């Protein structure tokens, strides 16, 4: 004697629920990874700007040879960045803005730094 189970209207809903939950988890993980990548790239751009500004300030004060902005561009290039702007201010300070050469999914990472002797 074989008995057949009645067909319930909720049959298979667990599979759909699990698939939907998996999709939500994958989307959340993707978002977290994109934000982490952006944070890392912003840190790299800031570090490149810091190092470029320090090197340019040394050149501006005469501690090293070369044009300050050219020195900043060289140092930024060593850190996979390019100098967007470089300007010497009053009191032998210099401000450098950089962008990383590698683009992220969310855009370009940029950094800004100012260096010079203490006030």
Protein backbone atom coordinates (compact mmCIF):
# COMPACT_ATOMS: atom_id res chain seq x y z
CA UNK A 1 0.00 0.00 0.00
CA UNK A 2 1.59 3.24 -1.08
CA UNK A 3 0.63 6.52 0.29
CA UNK A 4 1.32 9.73 -1.52
CA UNK A 5 1.93 12.89 0.38
CA UNK A 6 -0.48 15.69 -0.29
CA UNK A 7 0.95 18.55 -2.34
CA UNK A 8 1.36 21.54 -0.02
CA UNK A 9 1.38 25.10 -1.38
CA UNK A 10 4.50 25.91 0.69
CA UNK A 11 6.55 23.07 -0.75
CA UNK A 12 9.94 24.38 -2.04
CA UNK A 13 9.66 27.75 -0.27
CA UNK A 14 12.72 26.92 1.85
CA UNK A 15 14.85 26.65 -1.28
CA UNK A 16 13.70 30.05 -2.52
CA UNK A 17 14.29 31.57 0.92
CA UNK A 18 17.82 30.08 1.13
CA UNK A 19 18.67 31.33 -2.37
CA UNK A 20 17.44 34.84 -1.51
CA UNK A 21 19.39 34.86 1.73
CA UNK A 22 22.55 33.71 -0.08
CA UNK A 23 22.12 36.53 -2.61
CA UNK A 24 21.80 39.11 0.17
CA UNK A 25 24.93 37.79 1.90
CA UNK A 26 26.92 37.86 -1.35
CA UNK A 27 25.82 41.44 -2.06
CA UNK A 28 26.76 42.54 1.48
CA UNK A 29 30.19 40.91 1.17
CA UNK A 30 30.76 42.62 -2.18
CA UNK A 31 29.89 45.99 -0.67
CA UNK A 32 32.25 45.43 2.27
CA UNK A 33 35.07 44.43 -0.10
CA UNK A 34 34.53 47.53 -2.26
CA UNK A 35 34.61 49.79 0.78
CA UNK A 36 37.74 48.08 2.09
CA UNK A 37 39.43 48.50 -1.30
CA UNK A 38 38.54 52.19 -1.30
CA UNK A 39 39.95 52.64 2.21
CA UNK A 40 43.22 50.95 1.26
CA UNK A 41 43.58 53.04 -1.90
CA UNK A 42 42.83 56.27 0.00
CA UNK A 43 45.52 55.37 2.53
CA UNK A 44 48.02 54.71 -0.27
CA UNK A 45 47.19 58.04 -1.93
CA UNK A 46 47.61 59.89 1.37
CA UNK A 47 50.95 58.19 2.02
CA UNK A 48 52.17 59.11 -1.47
CA UNK A 49 51.12 62.72 -0.90
CA UNK A 50 52.87 62.81 2.49
CA UNK A 51 56.12 61.44 1.13
CA UNK A 52 56.03 63.68 -1.94
CA UNK A 53 55.38 66.78 0.18
CA UNK A 54 58.21 65.94 2.57
CA UNK A 55 60.64 65.41 -0.31
CA UNK A 56 59.50 68.64 -1.98
CA UNK A 57 59.89 70.58 1.27
CA UNK A 58 63.46 69.30 1.58
CA UNK A 59 64.16 70.48 -1.97
CA UNK A 60 62.52 73.83 -1.26
CA UNK A 61 64.72 74.38 1.80
CA UNK A 62 67.83 73.38 -0.16
CA UNK A 63 68.49 70.15 1.74
CA UNK A 64 68.29 68.18 -1.52
CA UNK A 65 68.78 69.25 -5.11
CA UNK A 66 66.10 69.79 -7.72
CA UNK A 67 62.89 71.66 -8.33
CA UNK A 68 60.49 70.93 -5.44
CA UNK A 69 57.55 70.01 -7.68
CA UNK A 70 59.75 67.81 -9.89
CA UNK A 71 61.03 66.04 -6.78
CA UNK A 72 57.46 65.60 -5.56
CA UNK A 73 56.42 64.12 -8.92
CA UNK A 74 59.36 61.70 -8.85
CA UNK A 75 58.57 60.50 -5.32
CA UNK A 76 54.86 60.19 -6.10
CA UNK A 77 55.69 58.19 -9.23
CA UNK A 78 57.66 55.73 -7.12
CA UNK A 79 54.47 55.12 -5.14
CA UNK A 80 52.21 54.60 -8.17
CA UNK A 81 50.72 58.08 -7.94
CA UNK A 82 50.82 61.28 -9.94
CA UNK A 83 51.01 64.85 -8.69
CA UNK A 84 47.83 66.74 -9.55
CA UNK A 85 48.97 70.04 -8.05
CA UNK A 86 52.06 71.34 -6.34
CA UNK A 87 52.41 74.81 -4.89
CA UNK A 88 54.92 76.54 -2.66
CA UNK A 89 53.41 78.68 0.05
CA UNK A 90 54.70 81.31 2.42
CA UNK A 91 57.38 80.33 4.91
CA UNK A 92 58.87 77.60 2.73
CA UNK A 93 55.85 75.30 2.97
CA UNK A 94 54.65 73.21 0.07
CA UNK A 95 51.28 71.62 -0.65
CA UNK A 96 50.97 68.53 -2.83
CA UNK A 97 47.86 66.78 -4.14
CA UNK A 98 48.17 63.30 -5.60
CA UNK A 99 46.02 60.72 -7.35
CA UNK A 100 46.79 57.04 -7.62
CA UNK A 101 47.39 55.74 -11.12
CA UNK A 102 45.23 52.66 -10.43
CA UNK A 103 41.50 53.33 -10.45
CA UNK A 104 39.15 51.57 -8.07
CA UNK A 105 35.62 50.52 -8.84
CA UNK A 106 34.34 53.51 -6.88
CA UNK A 107 36.68 56.06 -8.52
CA UNK A 108 40.16 57.50 -8.14
CA UNK A 109 41.83 57.78 -4.76
CA UNK A 110 43.37 61.15 -3.97
CA UNK A 111 45.63 62.47 -1.23
CA UNK A 112 46.69 65.89 -0.02
CA UNK A 113 49.62 66.90 2.18
CA UNK A 114 51.47 70.00 3.27
CA UNK A 115 55.03 70.07 4.57
CA UNK A 116 57.57 72.59 5.67
CA UNK A 117 59.48 73.83 8.69
CA UNK A 118 57.61 74.23 11.97
CA UNK A 119 55.91 77.60 12.45
